[in-house]
Amino acid sequence: MFVAAVTRRRSGASVRYRSSCRVRIPRPTSGDARFAEARFSGDAWFGEARFSGIAQFGRARFSGDALFSGARFSGTAQFGGARFSGTAWFGEARFSGTALFGRAHFSDDALFAEAQFSGTAQFGRAHFSDDARFDRAQFSGNAQFSEAHFSGNAQFGRAHFSDDAGFEGARFAVTPSFGPVVCAKEVDLSGAMFEAPVTLEIAADAVRCERTRWESTATLRLRYAATDLSHAVLSFPVSVAAHPAPFTTRSTGPAAVDEDLLAGSDSGVRVVSVRGVDAAHLVMTDTDLRDCTFSGAFHLDQLRLEGRCTFAPTPTGLHRRHFIWPYRWTRRRALAEEHHWRAQSAGQPAPGPGQVPSPRDWRTGPQHPDPGLTPDPDDVAALYRQLRKAFEDGKNEPGAADFYYGEMEMRRHDRTTPPGERGLLWGYWLVSGYGMRASRALGWLLAAMAATIVLIMGLGLPDSSPKQVATGTVPASGGRVTLAVDKQDPHLTLPVGDRFTQERFDKALQVVLNSVVFRSSGQDLTTWGTYTEMVSRFTEPVLLALAVLAMRSRIKR
């Protein structure tokens, strides 16, 4: 065994190498440091080295420790396919160009704490057999860890990503320390697999978890993020929660994590899709669901919504259908799918400012509705029904009222509903908003009472109450007399101007008030008045009951 120390300088490049056995060192050219396929059987010392050109370590083999702490890479750093049998020290290294670590294999610890990557950082399909530490690392360019395998603890505490951070298809065998992480753009966890319990603390513009597999419990504490959970596989409970305050770290005492990369953005968390998710294991807390698409999810009736979860409101202003009958939208919580369908159907207005676009791209903004992806009313009704049950099972009966309203709305607009049932639903909606709008039922009740009063005064009350008359013949010889008592039919012969007086109004009001509580007033009425009272004794108590039912639905425990 022997020790050799070699220092080469060319075009400002300085490389220090030390080995305990024979190695093969390709000769540098044009200021590049070429160590492609080199074999380092002992420790390789490159600490504080300066690489002004391309640093080629592709498919190199490091049998001992590889020390690049504090190294400066001005050009491309190529470590693709390199194998590190010992500890790989890249702490505080500076990569001004592209850093390529694709397919690299780290058998021992990979230490990139406080490293700075100014260009693209590529760790695609890299394998980390032991700890991979990227604490306080700075990624100014795109960072890619696609299909990387972390067999040990992956630590990204206080890592900052100025561009996208891609972990598509990555695999985490043990509990990673993933956070707090700050990303100015998207953290992509699509297809990633978490085999152990994990807590992710991420402040990012977007977090994509499409087809992500959670093989154990997981907690996602997020800030600022638009989160896509499409087709995620949840084998155990997974919680998605909006973190109300900036993340803190306690490594050297409590300190808030710097979120300047997201300055000016809304810190709220939006969930934009749970398509294809088994919601039986999903818990969402304090999330914005205005853009969320639920179609295709399973077991929505077992979804847990805690805290203040916001759904889309209905459009504002007047609504005109077929340019005949304008009316104002009632305020309620609605699903994004209903907005998509209304925007797609004829005669529906586009959402106004501050409303939900139909549909909405999960990051870039509103798009035109796609007829192929817009669910039919019967599909939206099923979503409302399942979410209503989820609220009812959570003992939130008032919260379930809006979803019942939405379910009935979709049934009313569903063309496959039988005509008779649709007509009944239209009437139910018109008079009381499906038993959910007390003001509407009371309005119709007052209108019906006013109409009944007018009809009773104008047609129902006679000139005066007829008196009973006894008629008969007295025999001349005396004896028993039999009298027949009869009552004349009420007549109305008053001029129209004399029918609407205070006295007649009082009598008509008594008749109507008794009808509302399903009682007969006992007042003598004309034939028209009798039929009018019969109709009012049926309709007005029903309207009163619908108003009571609507109020009950809002205060039910």
Protein backbone atom coordinates (compact mmCIF):
# COMPACT_ATOMS: atom_id res chain seq x y z
CA MET A 1 0.00 0.00 0.00
CA PHE A 2 1.14 3.55 -0.67
CA VAL A 3 -0.11 7.09 -0.45
CA ALA A 4 0.11 9.46 -3.41
CA ALA A 5 -0.81 13.12 -3.54
CA VAL A 6 -1.40 14.73 -6.93
CA THR A 7 -2.18 18.36 -7.60
CA ARG A 8 -2.97 19.55 -11.13
CA ARG A 9 -3.59 23.11 -12.21
CA ARG A 10 -4.79 24.13 -15.62
CA SER A 11 -6.83 27.16 -16.72
CA GLY A 12 -7.56 28.08 -13.13
CA ALA A 13 -8.79 24.59 -12.19
CA SER A 14 -7.30 23.13 -9.04
CA VAL A 15 -7.82 19.47 -8.15
CA ARG A 16 -6.40 17.74 -5.08
CA TYR A 17 -6.46 13.97 -5.02
CA ARG A 18 -5.22 11.51 -2.44
CA SER A 19 -5.41 7.75 -2.63
CA SER A 20 -4.09 4.76 -0.75
CA CYS A 21 -3.67 2.60 -3.83
CA ARG A 22 -3.29 2.78 -7.57
CA VAL A 23 -5.93 4.80 -9.45
CA ARG A 24 -6.65 5.73 -13.06
CA ILE A 25 -6.89 9.52 -13.65
CA PRO A 26 -7.85 10.69 -17.14
CA ARG A 27 -5.86 13.71 -18.24
CA PRO A 28 -7.82 17.01 -17.98
CA THR A 29 -8.31 19.06 -21.14
CA SER A 30 -9.54 22.61 -21.71
CA GLY A 31 -9.74 23.31 -18.00
CA ASP A 32 -12.10 20.38 -17.40
CA ALA A 33 -11.57 17.93 -14.58
CA ARG A 34 -12.15 14.50 -16.10
CA PHE A 35 -12.53 11.65 -13.64
CA ALA A 36 -15.15 9.68 -15.54
CA GLU A 37 -15.04 5.98 -14.58
CA ALA A 38 -12.15 6.64 -12.20
CA ARG A 39 -11.58 4.20 -9.32
CA PHE A 40 -10.92 5.68 -5.88
CA SER A 41 -10.01 2.80 -3.57
CA GLY A 42 -9.23 5.10 -0.63
CA ASP A 43 -10.55 8.43 0.57
CA ALA A 44 -10.90 11.07 -2.14
CA TRP A 45 -10.25 14.60 -0.90
CA PHE A 46 -11.64 17.44 -2.98
CA GLY A 47 -12.58 19.78 -0.16
CA GLU A 48 -12.52 23.48 -1.13
CA ALA A 49 -11.57 22.50 -4.69
CA ARG A 50 -12.40 24.88 -7.53
CA PHE A 51 -13.72 23.47 -10.80
CA SER A 52 -13.94 26.21 -13.42
CA GLY A 53 -14.88 23.88 -16.24
CA ILE A 54 -16.78 20.64 -16.45
CA ALA A 55 -16.16 18.30 -13.54
CA GLN A 56 -16.66 14.78 -14.85
CA PHE A 57 -17.06 12.06 -12.25
CA GLY A 58 -19.58 9.99 -14.20
CA ARG A 59 -19.57 6.31 -13.22
CA ALA A 60 -16.65 6.92 -10.87
CA ARG A 61 -16.18 4.52 -7.96
CA PHE A 62 -15.41 5.85 -4.48
CA SER A 63 -14.48 2.97 -2.17
CA GLY A 64 -13.71 5.28 0.73
CA ASP A 65 -15.09 8.61 1.77
CA ALA A 66 -15.56 11.26 -0.91
CA LEU A 67 -15.02 14.72 0.50
CA PHE A 68 -16.31 17.62 -1.62
CA SER A 69 -17.21 19.87 1.30
CA GLY A 70 -16.97 23.50 0.29
CA ALA A 71 -16.06 22.63 -3.32
CA ARG A 72 -16.97 25.09 -6.05
CA PHE A 73 -18.32 23.86 -9.37
CA SER A 74 -18.49 26.71 -11.90
CA GLY A 75 -19.46 24.46 -14.78
CA THR A 76 -21.42 21.27 -15.05
CA ALA A 77 -20.79 18.74 -12.29
CA GLN A 78 -21.31 15.25 -13.69
CA PHE A 79 -21.68 12.49 -11.11
CA GLY A 80 -24.19 10.41 -13.05
CA GLY A 81 -23.89 6.73 -12.25
CA ALA A 82 -21.16 7.32 -9.63
CA ARG A 83 -20.97 4.91 -6.71
CA PHE A 84 -20.07 6.13 -3.24
CA SER A 85 -19.22 3.25 -0.88
CA GLY A 86 -18.22 5.57 1.93
CA THR A 87 -19.65 8.85 3.14
CA ALA A 88 -20.21 11.42 0.39
CA TRP A 89 -19.48 14.88 1.83
CA PHE A 90 -20.96 17.72 -0.23
CA GLY A 91 -21.82 20.03 2.65
CA GLU A 92 -21.64 23.71 1.72
CA ALA A 93 -20.63 22.81 -1.84
CA ARG A 94 -21.54 25.35 -4.53
CA PHE A 95 -22.88 24.21 -7.90
CA SER A 96 -23.08 27.19 -10.25
CA GLY A 97 -23.95 25.06 -13.25
CA THR A 98 -25.92 21.90 -13.69
CA ALA A 99 -25.41 19.21 -11.05
CA LEU A 100 -25.99 15.71 -12.43
CA PHE A 101 -26.29 12.90 -9.91
CA GLY A 102 -28.69 10.73 -11.88
CA ARG A 103 -28.43 7.01 -11.08
CA ALA A 104 -25.75 7.70 -8.49
CA HIS A 105 -25.55 5.18 -5.67
CA PHE A 106 -24.78 6.26 -2.11
CA SER A 107 -24.06 3.23 0.10
CA ASP A 108 -23.31 5.37 3.15
CA ASP A 109 -24.46 8.82 4.21
CA ALA A 110 -24.95 11.42 1.49
CA LEU A 111 -24.38 14.82 3.10
CA PHE A 112 -25.55 17.85 1.09
CA ALA A 113 -26.39 20.06 4.07
CA GLU A 114 -26.24 23.77 3.16
CA ALA A 115 -25.22 22.97 -0.40
CA GLN A 116 -26.22 25.54 -3.02
CA PHE A 117 -27.45 24.56 -6.48
CA SER A 118 -27.68 27.55 -8.81
CA GLY A 119 -28.61 25.49 -11.86
CA THR A 120 -30.55 22.32 -12.37
CA ALA A 121 -29.98 19.64 -9.73
CA GLN A 122 -30.63 16.18 -11.15
CA PHE A 123 -30.86 13.22 -8.76
CA GLY A 124 -33.16 11.10 -10.89
CA ARG A 125 -33.04 7.37 -10.03
CA ALA A 126 -30.35 7.97 -7.45
CA HIS A 127 -30.18 5.42 -4.64
CA PHE A 128 -29.54 6.49 -1.05
CA SER A 129 -28.89 3.41 1.10
CA ASP A 130 -28.32 5.42 4.25
CA ASP A 131 -29.16 8.92 5.37
CA ALA A 132 -29.53 11.59 2.70
CA ARG A 133 -29.17 15.01 4.26
CA PHE A 134 -30.23 18.10 2.32
CA ASP A 135 -30.84 20.28 5.38
CA ARG A 136 -30.82 23.99 4.55
CA ALA A 137 -29.85 23.23 0.96
CA GLN A 138 -30.63 25.97 -1.57
CA PHE A 139 -31.97 25.01 -5.00
CA SER A 140 -32.17 28.02 -7.31
CA GLY A 141 -32.92 25.96 -10.40
CA ASN A 142 -35.07 22.96 -11.05
CA ALA A 143 -34.49 20.11 -8.57
CA GLN A 144 -35.32 16.61 -9.73
CA PHE A 145 -35.40 13.52 -7.51
CA SER A 146 -37.57 11.48 -9.88
CA GLU A 147 -37.62 7.76 -9.02
CA ALA A 148 -34.96 8.25 -6.39
CA HIS A 149 -34.85 5.55 -3.71
CA PHE A 150 -34.30 6.64 -0.11
CA SER A 151 -33.62 3.54 2.00
CA GLY A 152 -32.43 5.66 4.93
CA ASN A 153 -33.67 8.86 6.43
CA ALA A 154 -34.15 11.61 3.84
CA GLN A 155 -33.73 14.98 5.53
CA PHE A 156 -34.88 18.14 3.77
CA GLY A 157 -35.34 20.37 6.80
CA ARG A 158 -35.42 24.07 5.84
CA ALA A 159 -34.54 23.30 2.24
CA HIS A 160 -35.44 26.10 -0.19
CA PHE A 161 -36.49 25.53 -3.80
CA SER A 162 -36.73 28.60 -6.02
CA ASP A 163 -38.06 26.47 -8.87
CA ASP A 164 -39.92 23.18 -9.14
CA ALA A 165 -38.99 20.27 -6.89
CA GLY A 166 -39.77 16.93 -8.50
CA PHE A 167 -40.04 13.72 -6.50
CA GLU A 168 -42.09 11.77 -9.07
CA GLY A 169 -41.89 8.06 -8.39
CA ALA A 170 -39.51 8.50 -5.45
CA ARG A 171 -39.57 5.84 -2.76
CA PHE A 172 -39.12 6.51 0.95
CA ALA A 173 -38.52 3.30 2.89
CA VAL A 174 -38.25 4.90 6.34
CA THR A 175 -39.74 8.01 7.88
CA PRO A 176 -38.24 11.02 6.10
CA SER A 177 -37.70 14.41 7.69
CA PHE A 178 -39.49 16.32 4.98
CA GLY A 179 -39.79 19.82 6.21
CA PRO A 180 -40.19 22.51 6.73
CA VAL A 181 -39.64 22.88 2.98
CA VAL A 182 -40.19 26.14 1.11
CA CYS A 183 -40.75 26.02 -2.65
CA ALA A 184 -41.62 28.97 -4.86
CA LYS A 185 -43.33 26.74 -7.41
CA GLU A 186 -44.41 23.10 -7.38
CA VAL A 187 -43.45 20.17 -5.18
CA ASP A 188 -44.32 17.13 -7.25
CA LEU A 189 -44.81 13.90 -5.31
CA SER A 190 -46.72 12.13 -8.07
CA GLY A 191 -46.23 8.38 -7.95
CA ALA A 192 -44.03 8.60 -4.86
CA MET A 193 -44.32 5.88 -2.22
CA PHE A 194 -44.10 6.46 1.52
CA GLU A 195 -43.69 3.13 3.30
CA ALA A 196 -43.43 4.53 6.84
CA PRO A 197 -45.36 7.15 8.81
CA VAL A 198 -44.50 10.62 7.61
CA THR A 199 -45.21 14.26 8.36
CA LEU A 200 -44.70 16.64 5.44
CA GLU A 201 -44.40 20.34 6.21
CA ILE A 202 -44.40 22.22 2.92
CA ALA A 203 -44.88 25.85 2.02
CA ALA A 204 -45.22 25.91 -1.76
CA ASP A 205 -47.29 27.35 -4.57
CA ALA A 206 -48.48 23.85 -5.48
CA VAL A 207 -48.17 20.31 -4.16
CA ARG A 208 -49.01 17.51 -6.57
CA CYS A 209 -49.72 14.10 -5.02
CA GLU A 210 -51.22 12.40 -8.05
CA ARG A 211 -51.09 8.60 -7.65
CA THR A 212 -48.95 8.95 -4.54
CA ARG A 213 -48.98 5.82 -2.35
CA TRP A 214 -49.23 6.15 1.43
CA GLU A 215 -48.49 2.76 2.98
CA SER A 216 -48.76 4.18 6.49
CA THR A 217 -50.25 7.16 8.27
CA ALA A 218 -49.34 10.57 6.89
CA THR A 219 -49.87 14.18 7.86
CA LEU A 220 -49.54 16.95 5.30
CA ARG A 221 -49.19 20.35 6.91
CA LEU A 222 -49.26 22.83 4.09
CA ARG A 223 -49.16 26.55 3.42
CA TYR A 224 -49.98 28.48 0.23
CA ALA A 225 -50.37 25.26 -1.75
CA ALA A 226 -52.85 24.18 -4.40
CA THR A 227 -52.93 20.45 -3.69
CA ASP A 228 -53.84 17.74 -6.17
CA LEU A 229 -54.62 14.31 -4.65
CA SER A 230 -55.93 12.68 -7.82
CA HIS A 231 -55.89 8.87 -7.65
CA ALA A 232 -53.72 8.83 -4.53
CA VAL A 233 -53.68 5.48 -2.73
CA LEU A 234 -54.42 5.80 0.99
CA SER A 235 -53.90 2.59 2.94
CA PHE A 236 -54.01 4.37 6.30
CA PRO A 237 -55.44 7.69 7.52
CA VAL A 238 -53.98 10.70 5.75
CA SER A 239 -54.55 14.23 7.00
CA VAL A 240 -54.31 17.35 4.84
CA ALA A 241 -54.29 20.46 7.00
CA ALA A 242 -53.65 24.14 6.44
CA HIS A 243 -50.96 25.35 8.81
CA PRO A 244 -52.12 28.71 10.21
CA ALA A 245 -48.70 30.25 10.94
CA PRO A 246 -45.21 30.09 9.40
CA PHE A 247 -43.33 26.90 10.17
CA THR A 248 -40.71 27.01 12.88
CA THR A 249 -37.58 24.99 13.54
CA ARG A 250 -36.02 24.17 16.89
CA SER A 251 -32.56 23.07 15.81
CA THR A 252 -30.96 26.10 17.47
CA GLY A 253 -34.03 27.42 19.25
CA PRO A 254 -37.47 28.40 17.94
CA ALA A 255 -37.16 30.34 14.70
CA ALA A 256 -39.63 31.00 11.89
CA VAL A 257 -38.78 29.56 8.50
CA ASP A 258 -38.10 32.17 5.82
CA GLU A 259 -41.04 32.24 3.37
CA ASP A 260 -39.92 35.20 1.27
CA LEU A 261 -40.11 33.02 -1.85
CA LEU A 262 -43.91 33.06 -1.45
CA ALA A 263 -44.32 36.65 -0.34
CA GLY A 264 -47.60 38.18 -1.48
CA SER A 265 -49.39 34.85 -1.93
CA ASP A 266 -52.40 33.69 0.01
CA SER A 267 -51.24 31.32 2.75
CA GLY A 268 -54.43 29.27 2.55
CA VAL A 269 -54.42 25.71 1.23
CA ARG A 270 -56.60 24.75 -1.74
CA VAL A 271 -57.39 21.12 -2.51
CA VAL A 272 -58.17 20.97 -6.21
CA SER A 273 -58.91 17.29 -6.78
CA VAL A 274 -59.61 14.05 -4.94
CA ARG A 275 -60.52 12.10 -8.07
CA GLY A 276 -60.09 8.37 -7.65
CA VAL A 277 -59.25 8.63 -3.93
CA ASP A 278 -60.70 6.30 -1.32
CA ALA A 279 -61.92 9.07 0.97
CA ALA A 280 -62.57 6.70 3.88
CA HIS A 281 -59.00 7.41 5.07
CA LEU A 282 -58.91 11.11 4.19
CA VAL A 283 -59.19 13.97 6.68
CA MET A 284 -59.08 17.60 5.54
CA THR A 285 -58.79 20.48 7.97
CA ASP A 286 -59.21 24.20 7.24
CA THR A 287 -58.86 23.68 3.50
CA ASP A 288 -60.32 25.61 0.57
CA LEU A 289 -62.47 23.26 -1.51
CA ARG A 290 -63.95 25.80 -3.89
CA ASP A 291 -62.06 24.33 -6.87
CA CYS A 292 -62.03 20.73 -5.67
CA THR A 293 -63.41 18.05 -7.99
CA PHE A 294 -64.86 15.07 -6.13
CA SER A 295 -66.13 13.02 -9.08
CA GLY A 296 -64.57 9.58 -9.22
CA ALA A 297 -63.77 9.43 -5.49
CA PHE A 298 -64.85 6.47 -3.37
CA HIS A 299 -66.57 6.44 0.02
CA LEU A 300 -67.18 10.18 0.07
CA ASP A 301 -69.79 9.54 2.74
CA GLN A 302 -66.88 8.65 5.06
CA LEU A 303 -64.81 11.75 4.29
CA ARG A 304 -63.96 13.82 7.36
CA LEU A 305 -63.96 17.59 7.06
CA GLU A 306 -62.81 19.43 10.14
CA GLY A 307 -62.26 23.06 10.98
CA ARG A 308 -63.33 25.63 8.44
CA CYS A 309 -63.52 23.98 5.03
CA THR A 310 -64.75 26.38 2.34
CA PHE A 311 -66.87 25.28 -0.61
CA ALA A 312 -67.74 27.25 -3.72
CA PRO A 313 -70.66 29.69 -3.44
CA THR A 314 -73.39 29.99 -6.01
CA PRO A 315 -73.08 32.71 -8.65
CA THR A 316 -74.08 36.20 -7.58
CA GLY A 317 -76.64 38.58 -9.10
CA LEU A 318 -79.83 37.89 -11.06
CA HIS A 319 -80.30 34.71 -13.02
CA ARG A 320 -82.44 34.73 -16.13
CA ARG A 321 -83.56 31.50 -17.74
CA HIS A 322 -84.88 31.62 -21.29
CA PHE A 323 -85.14 35.43 -20.95
CA ILE A 324 -88.52 35.14 -19.26
CA TRP A 325 -88.24 34.78 -15.52
CA PRO A 326 -85.32 36.40 -13.68
CA TYR A 327 -84.63 35.49 -10.07
CA ARG A 328 -81.79 35.88 -7.60
CA TRP A 329 -79.47 33.04 -6.63
CA THR A 330 -79.81 31.82 -3.06
CA ARG A 331 -76.57 31.60 -1.12
CA ARG A 332 -75.37 28.10 -0.37
CA ARG A 333 -72.29 25.92 -0.58
CA ALA A 334 -71.85 24.27 -3.96
CA LEU A 335 -69.44 21.85 -5.60
CA ALA A 336 -67.10 22.74 -8.43
CA GLU A 337 -68.79 20.04 -10.53
CA GLU A 338 -72.05 21.97 -10.38
CA HIS A 339 -70.28 25.08 -11.65
CA HIS A 340 -68.76 23.02 -14.46
CA TRP A 341 -72.17 21.70 -15.45
CA ARG A 342 -73.88 25.10 -15.24
CA ALA A 343 -71.18 26.67 -17.39
CA GLN A 344 -71.56 23.87 -19.90
CA SER A 345 -75.36 23.86 -20.03
CA ALA A 346 -77.19 26.38 -22.14
CA GLY A 347 -78.55 29.50 -20.56
CA GLN A 348 -76.29 29.50 -17.51
CA PRO A 349 -74.13 32.56 -16.78
CA ALA A 350 -70.38 32.38 -16.49
CA PRO A 351 -69.03 32.76 -12.93
CA GLY A 352 -68.45 36.37 -11.95
CA PRO A 353 -65.39 37.92 -10.33
CA GLY A 354 -64.28 36.00 -7.29
CA GLN A 355 -66.37 32.98 -8.25
CA VAL A 356 -65.20 29.54 -9.30
CA PRO A 357 -64.19 29.26 -12.97
CA SER A 358 -65.62 26.24 -14.75
CA PRO A 359 -63.52 24.27 -14.82
CA ARG A 360 -60.29 25.64 -13.33
CA ASP A 361 -56.82 24.44 -14.14
CA TRP A 362 -55.26 23.38 -10.90
CA ARG A 363 -52.38 25.87 -11.19
CA THR A 364 -52.66 28.22 -14.13
CA GLY A 365 -56.24 29.43 -13.82
CA PRO A 366 -59.59 29.13 -15.60
CA GLN A 367 -60.14 27.03 -18.66
CA HIS A 368 -63.13 26.35 -20.89
CA PRO A 369 -65.38 23.50 -19.72
CA ASP A 370 -64.51 20.13 -21.23
CA PRO A 371 -67.77 18.34 -22.13
CA GLY A 372 -66.04 14.99 -21.76
CA LEU A 373 -65.02 15.74 -18.17
CA THR A 374 -68.14 17.62 -17.09
CA PRO A 375 -70.34 15.28 -15.02
CA ASP A 376 -74.05 14.93 -15.66
CA PRO A 377 -76.61 16.17 -13.11
CA ASP A 378 -77.25 12.64 -11.84
CA ASP A 379 -73.52 12.21 -11.13
CA VAL A 380 -73.37 15.53 -9.29
CA ALA A 381 -76.48 14.56 -7.31
CA ALA A 382 -74.69 11.42 -6.13
CA LEU A 383 -71.73 13.51 -4.96
CA TYR A 384 -74.02 15.83 -3.02
CA ARG A 385 -75.79 12.84 -1.48
CA GLN A 386 -72.57 11.27 -0.22
CA LEU A 387 -71.21 14.52 1.18
CA ARG A 388 -74.54 15.20 2.86
CA LYS A 389 -74.29 11.85 4.61
CA ALA A 390 -70.73 12.65 5.68
CA PHE A 391 -71.96 15.83 7.36
CA GLU A 392 -74.93 14.07 8.94
CA ASP A 393 -72.74 11.30 10.31
CA GLY A 394 -70.54 14.01 11.79
CA LYS A 395 -73.61 15.42 13.59
CA ASN A 396 -73.49 18.56 11.48
CA GLU A 397 -77.10 18.65 10.34
CA PRO A 398 -77.16 22.39 9.48
CA GLY A 399 -74.02 21.92 7.38
CA ALA A 400 -75.68 19.07 5.48
CA ALA A 401 -78.64 21.26 4.45
CA ASP A 402 -76.80 22.93 1.56
CA PHE A 403 -75.77 19.55 0.15
CA TYR A 404 -79.37 18.33 0.30
CA TYR A 405 -80.36 21.47 -1.61
CA GLY A 406 -77.67 20.78 -4.22
CA GLU A 407 -78.78 17.17 -4.57
CA MET A 408 -82.38 18.23 -5.20
CA GLU A 409 -81.23 20.89 -7.68
CA MET A 410 -79.41 18.30 -9.75
CA ARG A 411 -82.40 15.96 -9.63
CA ARG A 412 -84.65 18.79 -10.80
CA HIS A 413 -82.39 19.50 -13.79
CA ASP A 414 -81.73 15.86 -14.66
CA ARG A 415 -83.42 15.06 -17.97
CA THR A 416 -83.58 11.36 -17.08
CA THR A 417 -85.88 12.08 -14.12
CA PRO A 418 -89.53 11.16 -14.94
CA PRO A 419 -91.61 14.21 -15.96
CA GLY A 420 -94.05 13.82 -13.08
CA GLU A 421 -91.24 13.71 -10.53
CA ARG A 422 -89.53 16.69 -12.13
CA GLY A 423 -92.77 18.66 -11.97
CA LEU A 424 -93.12 17.83 -8.28
CA LEU A 425 -89.51 18.91 -7.68
CA TRP A 426 -90.09 22.16 -9.53
CA GLY A 427 -93.08 22.92 -7.32
CA TYR A 428 -91.18 21.94 -4.18
CA TRP A 429 -88.31 24.23 -5.21
CA LEU A 430 -90.66 27.08 -6.08
CA VAL A 431 -92.66 27.21 -2.87
CA SER A 432 -89.99 26.45 -0.27
CA GLY A 433 -86.58 25.74 -1.82
CA TYR A 434 -86.95 22.00 -1.10
CA GLY A 435 -87.96 22.76 2.47
CA MET A 436 -84.68 24.64 3.00
CA ARG A 437 -85.77 28.26 2.47
CA ALA A 438 -88.03 29.55 5.24
CA SER A 439 -88.21 33.03 3.72
CA ARG A 440 -89.56 31.64 0.47
CA ALA A 441 -92.24 29.57 2.21
CA LEU A 442 -93.23 32.50 4.43
CA GLY A 443 -93.37 34.78 1.39
CA TRP A 444 -95.73 32.42 -0.38
CA LEU A 445 -97.77 32.07 2.83
CA LEU A 446 -98.19 35.82 3.11
CA ALA A 447 -99.08 36.04 -0.57
CA ALA A 448 -101.65 33.26 -0.22
CA MET A 449 -103.14 34.91 2.85
CA ALA A 450 -103.37 38.27 1.07
CA ALA A 451 -105.03 36.68 -1.95
CA THR A 452 -107.48 34.81 0.28
CA ILE A 453 -108.42 37.98 2.16
CA VAL A 454 -109.11 39.79 -1.11
CA LEU A 455 -111.22 36.90 -2.43
CA ILE A 456 -113.18 36.59 0.82
CA MET A 457 -113.88 40.33 0.94
CA GLY A 458 -114.77 40.54 -2.73
CA LEU A 459 -116.66 37.27 -3.21
CA GLY A 460 -116.98 35.32 0.01
CA LEU A 461 -118.71 37.48 2.62
CA PRO A 462 -122.50 37.98 2.17
CA ASP A 463 -124.32 41.28 2.67
CA SER A 464 -125.25 40.18 6.19
CA SER A 465 -125.47 36.96 8.12
CA PRO A 466 -128.85 35.35 7.26
CA LYS A 467 -131.17 34.66 10.19
CA GLN A 468 -133.07 31.50 10.80
CA VAL A 469 -136.77 31.64 9.83
CA ALA A 470 -139.51 29.36 11.24
CA THR A 471 -142.47 28.66 8.96
CA GLY A 472 -145.67 26.69 9.57
CA THR A 473 -149.51 26.75 9.82
CA VAL A 474 -151.47 26.97 13.08
CA PRO A 475 -154.61 24.78 13.02
CA ALA A 476 -157.84 26.60 13.77
CA SER A 477 -158.84 24.05 16.33
CA GLY A 478 -155.57 24.33 18.11
CA GLY A 479 -153.41 21.34 18.84
CA ARG A 480 -149.85 20.50 18.15
CA VAL A 481 -147.91 22.73 15.75
CA THR A 482 -144.83 21.62 13.80
CA LEU A 483 -142.50 24.39 12.56
CA ALA A 484 -139.76 23.90 9.95
CA VAL A 485 -136.68 26.06 10.67
CA ASP A 486 -134.61 26.94 7.61
CA LYS A 487 -131.70 29.25 6.89
CA GLN A 488 -131.49 31.31 3.78
CA ASP A 489 -128.46 31.01 1.53
CA PRO A 490 -126.00 33.93 1.96
CA HIS A 491 -126.26 36.49 -0.80
CA LEU A 492 -123.83 39.11 -1.97
CA THR A 493 -125.45 42.06 -3.68
CA LEU A 494 -123.33 44.94 -2.40
CA PRO A 495 -121.68 47.21 -4.95
CA VAL A 496 -117.99 46.53 -5.47
CA GLY A 497 -116.98 49.75 -3.73
CA ASP A 498 -118.86 48.74 -0.56
CA ARG A 499 -117.29 45.29 -0.31
CA PHE A 500 -113.84 46.43 0.83
CA THR A 501 -114.50 48.00 4.21
CA GLN A 502 -112.80 47.73 7.59
CA GLU A 503 -115.56 45.57 9.01
CA ARG A 504 -115.46 43.14 6.12
CA PHE A 505 -111.63 43.09 6.30
CA ASP A 506 -111.78 42.04 9.96
CA LYS A 507 -114.13 39.18 9.13
CA ALA A 508 -112.01 38.06 6.18
CA LEU A 509 -108.83 38.19 8.31
CA GLN A 510 -110.44 35.97 10.94
CA VAL A 511 -111.40 33.46 8.26
CA VAL A 512 -107.83 33.40 6.86
CA LEU A 513 -106.08 33.14 10.23
CA ASN A 514 -108.27 30.22 11.18
CA SER A 515 -107.49 28.57 7.86
CA VAL A 516 -103.73 28.85 8.47
CA VAL A 517 -104.06 26.76 11.63
CA PHE A 518 -106.47 24.38 9.90
CA ARG A 519 -109.61 25.56 11.70
CA SER A 520 -113.02 26.66 10.48
CA SER A 521 -113.99 30.23 11.36
CA GLY A 522 -117.74 29.48 11.52
CA GLN A 523 -118.39 32.60 9.45
CA ASP A 524 -121.28 32.53 6.99
CA LEU A 525 -119.84 32.58 3.47
CA THR A 526 -121.15 32.55 -0.04
CA THR A 527 -120.53 29.58 -2.29
CA TRP A 528 -117.36 31.23 -3.68
CA GLY A 529 -116.23 32.02 -0.16
CA THR A 530 -116.78 28.43 1.01
CA TYR A 531 -114.57 26.99 -1.75
CA THR A 532 -111.97 29.68 -1.20
CA GLU A 533 -111.82 28.79 2.49
CA MET A 534 -111.50 25.08 1.67
CA VAL A 535 -108.52 25.72 -0.59
CA SER A 536 -106.83 28.01 1.92
CA ARG A 537 -107.34 25.49 4.75
CA PHE A 538 -105.23 23.04 2.71
CA THR A 539 -102.52 25.22 1.17
CA GLU A 540 -101.72 27.70 3.92
CA PRO A 541 -101.02 25.15 6.71
CA VAL A 542 -98.74 23.33 4.27
CA LEU A 543 -96.79 26.52 3.58
CA LEU A 544 -96.55 27.22 7.31
CA ALA A 545 -95.24 23.68 7.90
CA LEU A 546 -92.63 24.09 5.15
CA ALA A 547 -91.40 27.32 6.74
CA VAL A 548 -91.09 25.58 10.13
CA LEU A 549 -89.29 22.66 8.48
CA ALA A 550 -86.80 25.03 6.81
CA MET A 551 -86.03 26.76 10.11
CA ARG A 552 -85.66 23.40 11.82
CA SER A 553 -83.10 22.26 9.23
CA ARG A 554 -80.86 25.21 10.12
CA ILE A 555 -80.93 24.75 13.89
CA LYS A 556 -81.21 20.98 14.23
CA ARG A 557 -78.71 19.47 16.64
